[in-house]
């Protein structure tokens, strides 16, 4: 059956956006990547009004975990004000649902495994902006009447992750047998392969849901130390790289472990991660080798 829904995507040039667009285009969906600046209310309202979407994927965001004043200001401007502008530009459209990518970091140093109902302890300005944005979406969802789906995503990795990010840097240096300088490497994170994230995004647009507001975790199902990730990369690439732990300090206020409970995503969308950590790392390495790093 032909899919005649119209999909609006913000952040189409980003990591999540590129992977989602590849899937939507493969399925021959009607897709429009937002071109207007989220801070330009006039252009934003014109573009959204002209396209008249059925489904909105809000994936565009400023991602920076540094604890500085400048990062805080940019997170407030881009992530909070930008989302507010987008939501307000949609008020006069008849779209069905708003799908948003939040982060596992909002849980901070909370009790494990993280459940959607527990208190949030955002440890960075980026995480604070995500919590605030979740609340904006909730308010607009109730005022306007659309369904909102918020995914708190684990540490995602895979194809199209920018080369300056940590995992691509480890992979690229391993391929080139260069020294790999890291922090303690002891923090445990819930890594999730990007294809599994996209599966959830697609299900969220298709599954018939009754809830007006949904918040679901998307995790890989298990947490691993950075040291184990490096071991997997070195083994897969047969690298001769020397790994130097303790070259950089661990980030201030970062929890020792993050682990997400996926029960709600399974209950609402029938979603569970399909990709094992080891196979996801192998696919990621293959991608960057193909990219001719």
C-alpha atoms as a PDB file:
ATOM      1  CA  UNK A   1       0.000   0.000   0.000  1.00  0.00           C
ATOM      2  CA  UNK A   2       1.337   3.406  -0.951  1.00  0.00           C
ATOM      3  CA  UNK A   3       2.243   5.641   1.970  1.00  0.00           C
ATOM      4  CA  UNK A   4       0.767   9.092   1.354  1.00  0.00           C
ATOM      5  CA  UNK A   5       1.751  10.581   4.709  1.00  0.00           C
ATOM      6  CA  UNK A   6       3.932  13.672   4.567  1.00  0.00           C
ATOM      7  CA  UNK A   7       7.008  13.674   6.803  1.00  0.00           C
ATOM      8  CA  UNK A   8       8.743  16.827   7.984  1.00  0.00           C
ATOM      9  CA  UNK A   9      12.269  16.266   9.325  1.00  0.00           C
ATOM     10  CA  UNK A  10      14.433  18.756  11.208  1.00  0.00           C
ATOM     11  CA  UNK A  11      18.136  18.039  11.533  1.00  0.00           C
ATOM     12  CA  UNK A  12      18.195  16.206   8.213  1.00  0.00           C
ATOM     13  CA  UNK A  13      21.949  16.702   7.819  1.00  0.00           C
ATOM     14  CA  UNK A  14      22.731  15.325  11.284  1.00  0.00           C
ATOM     15  CA  UNK A  15      23.511  11.811  12.462  1.00  0.00           C
ATOM     16  CA  UNK A  16      19.943  10.758  13.269  1.00  0.00           C
ATOM     17  CA  UNK A  17      18.535  12.727  10.356  1.00  0.00           C
ATOM     18  CA  UNK A  18      20.708  11.170   7.662  1.00  0.00           C
ATOM     19  CA  UNK A  19      19.879   7.649   8.805  1.00  0.00           C
ATOM     20  CA  UNK A  20      16.154   8.335   9.112  1.00  0.00           C
ATOM     21  CA  UNK A  21      16.039  10.014   5.689  1.00  0.00           C
ATOM     22  CA  UNK A  22      17.776   7.039   4.099  1.00  0.00           C
ATOM     23  CA  UNK A  23      15.007   4.780   5.447  1.00  0.00           C
ATOM     24  CA  UNK A  24      12.136   7.098   4.511  1.00  0.00           C
ATOM     25  CA  UNK A  25      13.509   7.617   1.012  1.00  0.00           C
ATOM     26  CA  UNK A  26      14.032   3.886   0.581  1.00  0.00           C
ATOM     27  CA  UNK A  27      10.366   3.421   1.455  1.00  0.00           C
ATOM     28  CA  UNK A  28       9.452   6.185  -1.046  1.00  0.00           C
ATOM     29  CA  UNK A  29       7.790   8.388   1.544  1.00  0.00           C
ATOM     30  CA  UNK A  30       6.918  12.036   0.916  1.00  0.00           C
ATOM     31  CA  UNK A  31       9.638  13.806   2.880  1.00  0.00           C
ATOM     32  CA  UNK A  32      10.585  17.433   3.379  1.00  0.00           C
ATOM     33  CA  UNK A  33      13.792  18.341   5.198  1.00  0.00           C
ATOM     34  CA  UNK A  34      13.322  21.643   6.998  1.00  0.00           C
ATOM     35  CA  UNK A  35      15.479  24.332   5.420  1.00  0.00           C
ATOM     36  CA  UNK A  36      14.435  27.317   7.523  1.00  0.00           C
ATOM     37  CA  UNK A  37      16.513  28.275  10.555  1.00  0.00           C
ATOM     38  CA  UNK A  38      14.638  27.281  13.713  1.00  0.00           C
ATOM     39  CA  UNK A  39      15.413  30.741  15.063  1.00  0.00           C
ATOM     40  CA  UNK A  40      13.734  32.467  12.096  1.00  0.00           C
ATOM     41  CA  UNK A  41      10.074  32.435  13.072  1.00  0.00           C
ATOM     42  CA  UNK A  42       8.786  33.987   9.830  1.00  0.00           C
ATOM     43  CA  UNK A  43      10.577  31.623   7.440  1.00  0.00           C
ATOM     44  CA  UNK A  44       9.808  28.649   9.670  1.00  0.00           C
ATOM     45  CA  UNK A  45       6.077  29.359   9.745  1.00  0.00           C
ATOM     46  CA  UNK A  46       5.995  29.885   5.960  1.00  0.00           C
ATOM     47  CA  UNK A  47       7.843  26.650   5.159  1.00  0.00           C
ATOM     48  CA  UNK A  48       5.853  24.498   7.589  1.00  0.00           C
ATOM     49  CA  UNK A  49       2.557  26.013   6.421  1.00  0.00           C
ATOM     50  CA  UNK A  50       3.408  25.375   2.783  1.00  0.00           C
ATOM     51  CA  UNK A  51       4.332  21.699   3.328  1.00  0.00           C
ATOM     52  CA  UNK A  52       1.502  20.812   5.765  1.00  0.00           C
ATOM     53  CA  UNK A  53       3.073  17.690   7.321  1.00  0.00           C
ATOM     54  CA  UNK A  54       1.288  14.705   8.833  1.00  0.00           C
ATOM     55  CA  UNK A  55       4.288  13.508  10.847  1.00  0.00           C
ATOM     56  CA  UNK A  56       7.013  15.714  12.338  1.00  0.00           C
ATOM     57  CA  UNK A  57      10.412  14.312  13.290  1.00  0.00           C
ATOM     58  CA  UNK A  58      12.269  16.881  15.370  1.00  0.00           C
ATOM     59  CA  UNK A  59      15.865  15.676  15.339  1.00  0.00           C
ATOM     60  CA  UNK A  60      17.681  18.986  14.958  1.00  0.00           C
ATOM     61  CA  UNK A  61      19.601  20.089  18.053  1.00  0.00           C
ATOM     62  CA  UNK A  62      22.830  21.593  19.314  1.00  0.00           C
ATOM     63  CA  UNK A  63      24.773  18.740  20.925  1.00  0.00           C
ATOM     64  CA  UNK A  64      27.624  19.708  23.216  1.00  0.00           C
ATOM     65  CA  UNK A  65      28.271  18.216  26.651  1.00  0.00           C
ATOM     66  CA  UNK A  66      30.818  20.846  27.765  1.00  0.00           C
ATOM     67  CA  UNK A  67      29.966  22.639  30.986  1.00  0.00           C
ATOM     68  CA  UNK A  68      30.533  26.223  29.841  1.00  0.00           C
ATOM     69  CA  UNK A  69      28.449  29.391  29.796  1.00  0.00           C
ATOM     70  CA  UNK A  70      28.643  29.688  26.008  1.00  0.00           C
ATOM     71  CA  UNK A  71      27.382  26.132  25.550  1.00  0.00           C
ATOM     72  CA  UNK A  72      24.542  26.861  27.979  1.00  0.00           C
ATOM     73  CA  UNK A  73      23.480  29.941  25.988  1.00  0.00           C
ATOM     74  CA  UNK A  74      23.549  28.070  22.685  1.00  0.00           C
ATOM     75  CA  UNK A  75      21.557  25.135  24.119  1.00  0.00           C
ATOM     76  CA  UNK A  76      18.905  27.558  25.348  1.00  0.00           C
ATOM     77  CA  UNK A  77      18.748  29.379  22.011  1.00  0.00           C
ATOM     78  CA  UNK A  78      18.855  26.434  19.602  1.00  0.00           C
ATOM     79  CA  UNK A  79      17.312  23.580  21.556  1.00  0.00           C
ATOM     80  CA  UNK A  80      14.694  25.351  23.674  1.00  0.00           C
ATOM     81  CA  UNK A  81      13.778  28.469  21.686  1.00  0.00           C
ATOM     82  CA  UNK A  82      14.188  26.642  18.384  1.00  0.00           C
ATOM     83  CA  UNK A  83      11.773  23.914  19.460  1.00  0.00           C
ATOM     84  CA  UNK A  84       9.317  26.489  20.784  1.00  0.00           C
ATOM     85  CA  UNK A  85       9.368  28.225  17.397  1.00  0.00           C
ATOM     86  CA  UNK A  86       8.834  24.931  15.570  1.00  0.00           C
ATOM     87  CA  UNK A  87       5.912  23.942  17.794  1.00  0.00           C
ATOM     88  CA  UNK A  88       4.274  27.315  17.359  1.00  0.00           C
ATOM     89  CA  UNK A  89       4.699  27.164  13.575  1.00  0.00           C
ATOM     90  CA  UNK A  90       2.690  23.927  13.601  1.00  0.00           C
ATOM     91  CA  UNK A  91      -0.325  25.274  15.500  1.00  0.00           C
ATOM     92  CA  UNK A  92      -2.381  25.953  12.377  1.00  0.00           C
ATOM     93  CA  UNK A  93      -1.530  22.662  10.630  1.00  0.00           C
ATOM     94  CA  UNK A  94      -3.417  19.385  11.006  1.00  0.00           C
ATOM     95  CA  UNK A  95      -0.463  17.101  11.686  1.00  0.00           C
ATOM     96  CA  UNK A  96      -0.976  13.846  13.578  1.00  0.00           C
ATOM     97  CA  UNK A  97       2.121  13.315  15.678  1.00  0.00           C
ATOM     98  CA  UNK A  98       5.382  14.893  16.802  1.00  0.00           C
ATOM     99  CA  UNK A  99       8.357  12.557  17.305  1.00  0.00           C
ATOM    100  CA  UNK A 100      11.301  13.934  19.263  1.00  0.00           C
ATOM    101  CA  UNK A 101      14.776  12.608  20.052  1.00  0.00           C
ATOM    102  CA  UNK A 102      15.788  13.298  23.639  1.00  0.00           C
ATOM    103  CA  UNK A 103      18.666  11.688  25.511  1.00  0.00           C
ATOM    104  CA  UNK A 104      19.492   9.192  28.236  1.00  0.00           C
ATOM    105  CA  UNK A 105      21.585  11.926  29.856  1.00  0.00           C
ATOM    106  CA  UNK A 106      18.472  13.526  31.363  1.00  0.00           C
ATOM    107  CA  UNK A 107      18.542  10.777  34.024  1.00  0.00           C
ATOM    108  CA  UNK A 108      21.988  11.833  35.230  1.00  0.00           C
ATOM    109  CA  UNK A 109      23.084   9.788  38.226  1.00  0.00           C
ATOM    110  CA  UNK A 110      19.639   8.282  38.796  1.00  0.00           C
ATOM    111  CA  UNK A 111      18.734   4.783  39.881  1.00  0.00           C
ATOM    112  CA  UNK A 112      19.446   1.994  37.372  1.00  0.00           C
ATOM    113  CA  UNK A 113      18.007   0.861  35.080  1.00  0.00           C
ATOM    114  CA  UNK A 114      16.487   4.182  34.049  1.00  0.00           C
ATOM    115  CA  UNK A 115      12.694   4.180  33.848  1.00  0.00           C
ATOM    116  CA  UNK A 116      10.644   6.934  32.240  1.00  0.00           C
ATOM    117  CA  UNK A 117       8.734   7.666  35.458  1.00  0.00           C
ATOM    118  CA  UNK A 118      11.740   8.397  37.679  1.00  0.00           C
ATOM    119  CA  UNK A 119      13.063  11.806  38.669  1.00  0.00           C
ATOM    120  CA  UNK A 120      15.454  13.466  36.244  1.00  0.00           C
ATOM    121  CA  UNK A 121      18.892  14.778  37.232  1.00  0.00           C
ATOM    122  CA  UNK A 122      20.322  16.423  34.101  1.00  0.00           C
ATOM    123  CA  UNK A 123      24.081  16.922  34.654  1.00  0.00           C
ATOM    124  CA  UNK A 124      24.848  19.199  31.684  1.00  0.00           C
ATOM    125  CA  UNK A 125      23.367  22.276  30.029  1.00  0.00           C
ATOM    126  CA  UNK A 126      22.595  20.120  26.998  1.00  0.00           C
ATOM    127  CA  UNK A 127      20.596  17.690  29.146  1.00  0.00           C
ATOM    128  CA  UNK A 128      18.817  20.585  30.882  1.00  0.00           C
ATOM    129  CA  UNK A 129      17.761  21.915  27.481  1.00  0.00           C
ATOM    130  CA  UNK A 130      16.396  18.490  26.543  1.00  0.00           C
ATOM    131  CA  UNK A 131      14.302  18.296  29.727  1.00  0.00           C
ATOM    132  CA  UNK A 132      12.906  21.779  29.086  1.00  0.00           C
ATOM    133  CA  UNK A 133      12.129  20.875  25.485  1.00  0.00           C
ATOM    134  CA  UNK A 134      10.301  17.723  26.538  1.00  0.00           C
ATOM    135  CA  UNK A 135       8.085  19.892  28.731  1.00  0.00           C
ATOM    136  CA  UNK A 136       7.370  22.341  25.895  1.00  0.00           C
ATOM    137  CA  UNK A 137       6.321  19.468  23.644  1.00  0.00           C
ATOM    138  CA  UNK A 138       4.038  18.121  26.384  1.00  0.00           C
ATOM    139  CA  UNK A 139       2.307  21.484  26.832  1.00  0.00           C
ATOM    140  CA  UNK A 140       1.775  22.029  23.098  1.00  0.00           C
ATOM    141  CA  UNK A 141       0.579  18.453  22.669  1.00  0.00           C
ATOM    142  CA  UNK A 142      -2.207  19.091  25.162  1.00  0.00           C
ATOM    143  CA  UNK A 143      -3.051  22.569  23.857  1.00  0.00           C
ATOM    144  CA  UNK A 144      -3.087  21.699  20.148  1.00  0.00           C
ATOM    145  CA  UNK A 145      -4.194  18.086  20.338  1.00  0.00           C
ATOM    146  CA  UNK A 146      -1.443  16.190  18.516  1.00  0.00           C
ATOM    147  CA  UNK A 147       0.224  13.002  19.737  1.00  0.00           C
ATOM    148  CA  UNK A 148       3.775  13.432  21.016  1.00  0.00           C
ATOM    149  CA  UNK A 149       6.361  10.663  21.214  1.00  0.00           C
ATOM    150  CA  UNK A 150       9.583  11.456  23.049  1.00  0.00           C
ATOM    151  CA  UNK A 151      12.431   8.970  22.772  1.00  0.00           C
ATOM    152  CA  UNK A 152      15.199   9.131  25.363  1.00  0.00           C
ATOM    153  CA  UNK A 153      17.944   7.577  23.289  1.00  0.00           C
ATOM    154  CA  UNK A 154      21.048   5.829  24.608  1.00  0.00           C
ATOM    155  CA  UNK A 155      24.576   6.441  23.337  1.00  0.00           C
ATOM    156  CA  UNK A 156      23.898   6.001  19.632  1.00  0.00           C
ATOM    157  CA  UNK A 157      26.597   5.029  17.135  1.00  0.00           C
ATOM    158  CA  UNK A 158      26.855   3.802  13.553  1.00  0.00           C
ATOM    159  CA  UNK A 159      26.770   5.112   9.997  1.00  0.00           C
ATOM    160  CA  UNK A 160      27.119   8.876   9.485  1.00  0.00           C
ATOM    161  CA  UNK A 161      28.200   9.647  13.039  1.00  0.00           C
ATOM    162  CA  UNK A 162      30.428  12.728  12.510  1.00  0.00           C
ATOM    163  CA  UNK A 163      34.116  11.884  12.355  1.00  0.00           C
ATOM    164  CA  UNK A 164      34.990  14.283  15.185  1.00  0.00           C
ATOM    165  CA  UNK A 165      32.854  12.315  17.662  1.00  0.00           C
ATOM    166  CA  UNK A 166      34.484   9.850  20.056  1.00  0.00           C
ATOM    167  CA  UNK A 167      33.578   6.476  18.534  1.00  0.00           C
ATOM    168  CA  UNK A 168      34.512   7.438  14.937  1.00  0.00           C
ATOM    169  CA  UNK A 169      37.778   8.890  16.252  1.00  0.00           C
ATOM    170  CA  UNK A 170      38.595   5.609  17.992  1.00  0.00           C
ATOM    171  CA  UNK A 171      37.725   3.629  14.861  1.00  0.00           C
ATOM    172  CA  UNK A 172      39.689   5.900  12.511  1.00  0.00           C
ATOM    173  CA  UNK A 173      42.788   5.866  14.720  1.00  0.00           C
ATOM    174  CA  UNK A 174      42.575   2.104  15.090  1.00  0.00           C
ATOM    175  CA  UNK A 175      42.376   1.651  11.319  1.00  0.00           C
ATOM    176  CA  UNK A 176      45.457   3.869  10.919  1.00  0.00           C
ATOM    177  CA  UNK A 177      47.302   2.228  13.872  1.00  0.00           C
ATOM    178  CA  UNK A 178      47.607   5.593  15.621  1.00  0.00           C
ATOM    179  CA  UNK A 179      47.767   6.135  19.390  1.00  0.00           C
ATOM    180  CA  UNK A 180      44.350   6.419  21.050  1.00  0.00           C
ATOM    181  CA  UNK A 181      44.243   8.861  23.978  1.00  0.00           C
ATOM    182  CA  UNK A 182      41.247   8.568  26.288  1.00  0.00           C
ATOM    183  CA  UNK A 183      39.920   9.300  29.772  1.00  0.00           C
ATOM    184  CA  UNK A 184      39.711   6.516  32.373  1.00  0.00           C
ATOM    185  CA  UNK A 185      37.536   4.438  30.043  1.00  0.00           C
ATOM    186  CA  UNK A 186      35.716   3.017  33.046  1.00  0.00           C
ATOM    187  CA  UNK A 187      32.344   4.736  32.642  1.00  0.00           C
ATOM    188  CA  UNK A 188      29.637   2.367  31.400  1.00  0.00           C
ATOM    189  CA  UNK A 189      27.202   3.494  28.727  1.00  0.00           C
ATOM    190  CA  UNK A 190      24.124   2.022  27.079  1.00  0.00           C
ATOM    191  CA  UNK A 191      25.228   1.951  23.432  1.00  0.00           C
ATOM    192  CA  UNK A 192      22.572   1.592  20.739  1.00  0.00           C
ATOM    193  CA  UNK A 193      23.118   1.049  17.017  1.00  0.00           C
ATOM    194  CA  UNK A 194      21.547   3.729  14.825  1.00  0.00           C
ATOM    195  CA  UNK A 195      19.521   1.282  12.714  1.00  0.00           C
ATOM    196  CA  UNK A 196      17.675   0.196  15.858  1.00  0.00           C
ATOM    197  CA  UNK A 197      16.922   3.830  16.684  1.00  0.00           C
ATOM    198  CA  UNK A 198      15.515   4.394  13.200  1.00  0.00           C
ATOM    199  CA  UNK A 199      13.344   1.277  13.585  1.00  0.00           C
ATOM    200  CA  UNK A 200      11.726   2.908  16.616  1.00  0.00           C
ATOM    201  CA  UNK A 201      11.274   6.221  14.793  1.00  0.00           C
ATOM    202  CA  UNK A 202       9.467   4.461  11.952  1.00  0.00           C
ATOM    203  CA  UNK A 203       7.271   2.426  14.291  1.00  0.00           C
ATOM    204  CA  UNK A 204       6.313   5.623  16.125  1.00  0.00           C
ATOM    205  CA  UNK A 205       4.894   7.064  12.913  1.00  0.00           C
ATOM    206  CA  UNK A 206       2.994   3.908  11.950  1.00  0.00           C
ATOM    207  CA  UNK A 207       1.701   2.243  15.107  1.00  0.00           C
ATOM    208  CA  UNK A 208      -1.805   3.188  16.209  1.00  0.00           C
ATOM    209  CA  UNK A 209      -1.309   4.725  19.649  1.00  0.00           C
ATOM    210  CA  UNK A 210      -4.011   5.985  21.993  1.00  0.00           C
ATOM    211  CA  UNK A 211      -1.826   7.975  24.386  1.00  0.00           C
ATOM    212  CA  UNK A 212      -1.569  11.691  23.689  1.00  0.00           C
ATOM    213  CA  UNK A 213       1.869  11.847  25.308  1.00  0.00           C
ATOM    214  CA  UNK A 214       4.404   9.021  25.240  1.00  0.00           C
ATOM    215  CA  UNK A 215       7.929   8.912  26.624  1.00  0.00           C
ATOM    216  CA  UNK A 216      10.008   5.838  25.819  1.00  0.00           C
ATOM    217  CA  UNK A 217      13.598   4.812  26.388  1.00  0.00           C
ATOM    218  CA  UNK A 218      15.629   3.401  23.512  1.00  0.00           C
ATOM    219  CA  UNK A 219      18.661   1.519  24.785  1.00  0.00           C
ATOM    220  CA  UNK A 220      20.859  -1.266  23.526  1.00  0.00           C
ATOM    221  CA  UNK A 221      19.852  -3.530  26.404  1.00  0.00           C
ATOM    222  CA  UNK A 222      23.194  -3.630  28.211  1.00  0.00           C
ATOM    223  CA  UNK A 223      25.876  -1.180  29.326  1.00  0.00           C
ATOM    224  CA  UNK A 224      29.565  -1.468  28.443  1.00  0.00           C
ATOM    225  CA  UNK A 225      32.702   0.380  29.476  1.00  0.00           C
ATOM    226  CA  UNK A 226      34.572   2.478  26.950  1.00  0.00           C
ATOM    227  CA  UNK A 227      37.470   0.088  27.488  1.00  0.00           C
ATOM    228  CA  UNK A 228      35.379  -2.812  26.202  1.00  0.00           C
ATOM    229  CA  UNK A 229      34.344  -0.751  23.187  1.00  0.00           C
ATOM    230  CA  UNK A 230      38.002  -0.078  22.409  1.00  0.00           C
ATOM    231  CA  UNK A 231      38.835  -3.778  22.786  1.00  0.00           C
ATOM    232  CA  UNK A 232      36.113  -4.635  20.253  1.00  0.00           C
ATOM    233  CA  UNK A 233      37.404  -2.032  17.791  1.00  0.00           C
ATOM    234  CA  UNK A 234      41.038  -3.149  18.117  1.00  0.00           C
ATOM    235  CA  UNK A 235      40.079  -6.788  17.698  1.00  0.00           C
ATOM    236  CA  UNK A 236      37.861  -6.152  14.667  1.00  0.00           C
ATOM    237  CA  UNK A 237      40.438  -3.933  12.927  1.00  0.00           C
ATOM    238  CA  UNK A 238      43.447  -6.038  14.010  1.00  0.00           C
ATOM    239  CA  UNK A 239      44.941  -2.703  15.030  1.00  0.00           C
ATOM    240  CA  UNK A 240      48.401  -2.064  16.443  1.00  0.00           C
ATOM    241  CA  UNK A 241      47.279   1.177  18.099  1.00  0.00           C
ATOM    242  CA  UNK A 242      48.554   1.980  21.583  1.00  0.00           C
ATOM    243  CA  UNK A 243      45.735   2.966  23.947  1.00  0.00           C
ATOM    244  CA  UNK A 244      46.576   5.508  26.638  1.00  0.00           C
ATOM    245  CA  UNK A 245      43.941   5.730  29.385  1.00  0.00           C
ATOM    246  CA  UNK A 246      43.943   8.692  31.750  1.00  0.00           C
ATOM    247  CA  UNK A 247      45.245  11.089  29.089  1.00  0.00           C
ATOM    248  CA  UNK A 248      42.115  13.191  29.664  1.00  0.00           C
ATOM    249  CA  UNK A 249      40.000  13.649  32.805  1.00  0.00           C
ATOM    250  CA  UNK A 250      36.474  12.250  32.998  1.00  0.00           C
ATOM    251  CA  UNK A 251      33.757  14.880  32.556  1.00  0.00           C
ATOM    252  CA  UNK A 252      32.552  16.637  35.688  1.00  0.00           C
ATOM    253  CA  UNK A 253      29.249  15.316  37.097  1.00  0.00           C
ATOM    254  CA  UNK A 254      29.072  12.347  34.711  1.00  0.00           C
ATOM    255  CA  UNK A 255      27.506   9.212  36.166  1.00  0.00           C
ATOM    256  CA  UNK A 256      29.505   5.982  36.339  1.00  0.00           C
ATOM    257  CA  UNK A 257      26.839   4.060  34.451  1.00  0.00           C
ATOM    258  CA  UNK A 258      23.812   4.644  32.243  1.00  0.00           C
ATOM    259  CA  UNK A 259      21.382   1.838  31.480  1.00  0.00           C
ATOM    260  CA  UNK A 260      17.905   2.179  30.012  1.00  0.00           C
ATOM    261  CA  UNK A 261      14.845   0.044  30.650  1.00  0.00           C
ATOM    262  CA  UNK A 262      13.202  -0.652  27.255  1.00  0.00           C
ATOM    263  CA  UNK A 263       9.923  -2.046  28.639  1.00  0.00           C
ATOM    264  CA  UNK A 264       7.803   0.952  27.642  1.00  0.00           C
ATOM    265  CA  UNK A 265       9.035   1.001  24.026  1.00  0.00           C
ATOM    266  CA  UNK A 266       8.285  -2.707  23.715  1.00  0.00           C
ATOM    267  CA  UNK A 267       4.836  -2.242  25.235  1.00  0.00           C
ATOM    268  CA  UNK A 268       3.833   0.730  23.086  1.00  0.00           C
ATOM    269  CA  UNK A 269       5.560   0.004  19.781  1.00  0.00           C
ATOM    270  CA  UNK A 270       6.649  -3.615  19.914  1.00  0.00           C
ATOM    271  CA  UNK A 271      10.237  -2.378  19.747  1.00  0.00           C
ATOM    272  CA  UNK A 272      13.385  -4.012  21.041  1.00  0.00           C
ATOM    273  CA  UNK A 273      16.970  -3.546  19.833  1.00  0.00           C
ATOM    274  CA  UNK A 274      18.027  -6.124  17.238  1.00  0.00           C
ATOM    275  CA  UNK A 275      21.731  -5.358  16.896  1.00  0.00           C
ATOM    276  CA  UNK A 276      24.294  -6.805  19.294  1.00  0.00           C
ATOM    277  CA  UNK A 277      26.996  -4.425  20.424  1.00  0.00           C
ATOM    278  CA  UNK A 278      29.744  -6.431  18.748  1.00  0.00           C
ATOM    279  CA  UNK A 279      27.961  -6.638  15.382  1.00  0.00           C
ATOM    280  CA  UNK A 280      27.091  -2.932  15.559  1.00  0.00           C
ATOM    281  CA  UNK A 281      30.748  -2.052  16.103  1.00  0.00           C
ATOM    282  CA  UNK A 282      31.712  -4.252  13.138  1.00  0.00           C
ATOM    283  CA  UNK A 283      29.160  -2.470  10.918  1.00  0.00           C
ATOM    284  CA  UNK A 284      30.409   0.910  12.101  1.00  0.00           C
ATOM    285  CA  UNK A 285      34.007  -0.001  11.285  1.00  0.00           C
ATOM    286  CA  UNK A 286      32.953  -1.215   7.838  1.00  0.00           C
ATOM    287  CA  UNK A 287      31.229   2.121   7.211  1.00  0.00           C
ATOM    288  CA  UNK A 288      34.318   4.186   8.013  1.00  0.00           C
ATOM    289  CA  UNK A 289      36.590   1.914   6.004  1.00  0.00           C
ATOM    290  CA  UNK A 290      34.242   2.395   3.071  1.00  0.00           C
ATOM    291  CA  UNK A 291      34.374   6.163   3.700  1.00  0.00           C
ATOM    292  CA  UNK A 292      38.118   5.923   3.048  1.00  0.00           C
ATOM    293  CA  UNK A 293      39.177   7.477   6.323  1.00  0.00           C
END
